[in-house]
Protein backbone atom coordinates (compact mmCIF):
# COMPACT_ATOMS: atom_id res chain seq x y z
CA MET A 1 12.84 6.39 -33.08
CA MET A 2 10.03 4.31 -31.61
CA MET A 3 11.94 3.27 -28.51
CA ARG A 4 13.89 6.42 -27.61
CA ARG A 5 12.98 8.30 -24.44
CA PRO A 6 10.55 11.21 -24.79
CA THR A 7 11.90 14.74 -24.51
CA ALA A 8 9.23 15.38 -21.86
CA PRO A 9 9.05 12.13 -19.81
CA GLU A 10 6.56 13.59 -17.36
CA ALA A 11 4.10 13.89 -20.26
CA TRP A 12 4.04 10.13 -20.86
CA PRO A 13 1.01 8.61 -19.10
CA GLY A 14 1.77 5.55 -17.01
CA ASP A 15 4.36 2.83 -17.29
CA VAL A 16 4.60 1.92 -20.98
CA ASP A 17 7.29 -0.31 -22.45
CA ARG A 18 5.97 -0.52 -26.05
CA LEU A 19 5.47 2.40 -28.34
CA ALA A 20 4.73 0.44 -31.51
CA HIS A 21 0.97 1.04 -31.42
CA LEU A 22 0.92 4.75 -30.77
CA ARG A 23 -0.82 7.03 -33.22
CA ALA A 24 1.30 9.66 -34.97
CA ARG A 25 -0.30 12.43 -32.89
CA ASP A 26 0.73 10.58 -29.71
CA TYR A 27 4.38 10.45 -30.82
CA ILE A 28 4.18 14.22 -31.19
CA ARG A 29 2.12 14.83 -28.05
CA TYR A 30 4.48 12.85 -25.80
CA GLY A 31 7.65 14.34 -27.25
CA TYR A 32 8.93 11.32 -29.19
CA LEU A 33 8.79 13.25 -32.46
CA PRO A 34 8.82 17.02 -33.04
CA GLN A 35 5.94 18.42 -35.09
CA ASP A 36 8.25 20.00 -37.69
CA LEU A 37 9.93 16.64 -38.35
CA TRP A 38 6.54 14.95 -38.73
CA ASP A 39 5.46 17.66 -41.16
CA ALA A 40 8.55 16.95 -43.28
CA PHE A 41 7.71 13.24 -43.64
CA PHE A 42 5.96 11.75 -46.66
CA THR A 43 2.97 9.91 -45.19
CA PHE A 44 1.15 6.90 -46.59
CA SER A 45 -0.86 3.94 -45.39
CA THR A 46 -1.34 0.32 -46.32
CA VAL A 47 -4.34 -1.93 -46.02
CA ARG A 48 -3.79 -5.22 -44.25
CA ASN A 49 -5.02 -8.49 -45.71
CA PRO A 50 -8.49 -8.86 -44.09
CA PHE A 51 -8.05 -12.59 -43.49
CA LYS A 52 -4.69 -12.13 -41.75
CA ARG A 53 -6.17 -9.32 -39.66
CA PHE A 54 -9.04 -11.59 -38.57
CA GLU A 55 -6.61 -14.44 -37.85
CA SER A 56 -4.57 -12.09 -35.67
CA LEU A 57 -7.75 -11.04 -33.83
CA PHE A 58 -8.55 -14.72 -33.24
CA HIS A 59 -5.14 -15.37 -31.65
CA TYR A 60 -5.27 -12.16 -29.62
CA SER A 61 -8.77 -12.90 -28.29
CA GLY A 62 -7.60 -15.91 -26.27
CA THR A 63 -10.78 -17.79 -27.11
CA ASP A 64 -11.11 -21.50 -26.47
CA LYS A 65 -12.95 -21.93 -29.79
CA ASN A 66 -11.22 -23.48 -32.78
CA PHE A 67 -10.71 -21.15 -35.75
CA GLU A 68 -13.63 -22.49 -37.83
CA THR A 69 -16.03 -22.11 -34.88
CA TYR A 70 -14.68 -18.64 -34.20
CA ILE A 71 -15.34 -17.61 -37.82
CA ARG A 72 -18.90 -18.93 -37.61
CA TRP A 73 -19.42 -17.17 -34.29
CA ALA A 74 -18.06 -13.87 -35.64
CA ALA A 75 -20.28 -14.16 -38.72
CA GLY A 76 -23.33 -14.80 -36.53
CA VAL A 77 -23.74 -18.38 -37.77
CA ASP A 78 -24.03 -21.21 -35.25
CA GLY A 79 -20.88 -23.30 -35.36
CA PRO A 80 -20.72 -27.05 -34.87
CA GLN A 81 -21.46 -28.11 -31.31
């Protein structure tokens, strides 16, 4: 479902090759999922491990800091120089 073409391709803004991070309303808005099908789904959410989420943010940030320094920086504590 996430990678099929929209039913209204002209509605999709720009040149996007990944749909994994769309919100549910965007799947509906851009024609990837009809509203009636969405309404039939059972919806739920999960909470990600906060440490793993922060670790992912560290890797995504592209910082040149090491992880310990990055944690200290994010916490507002001066890291080792």
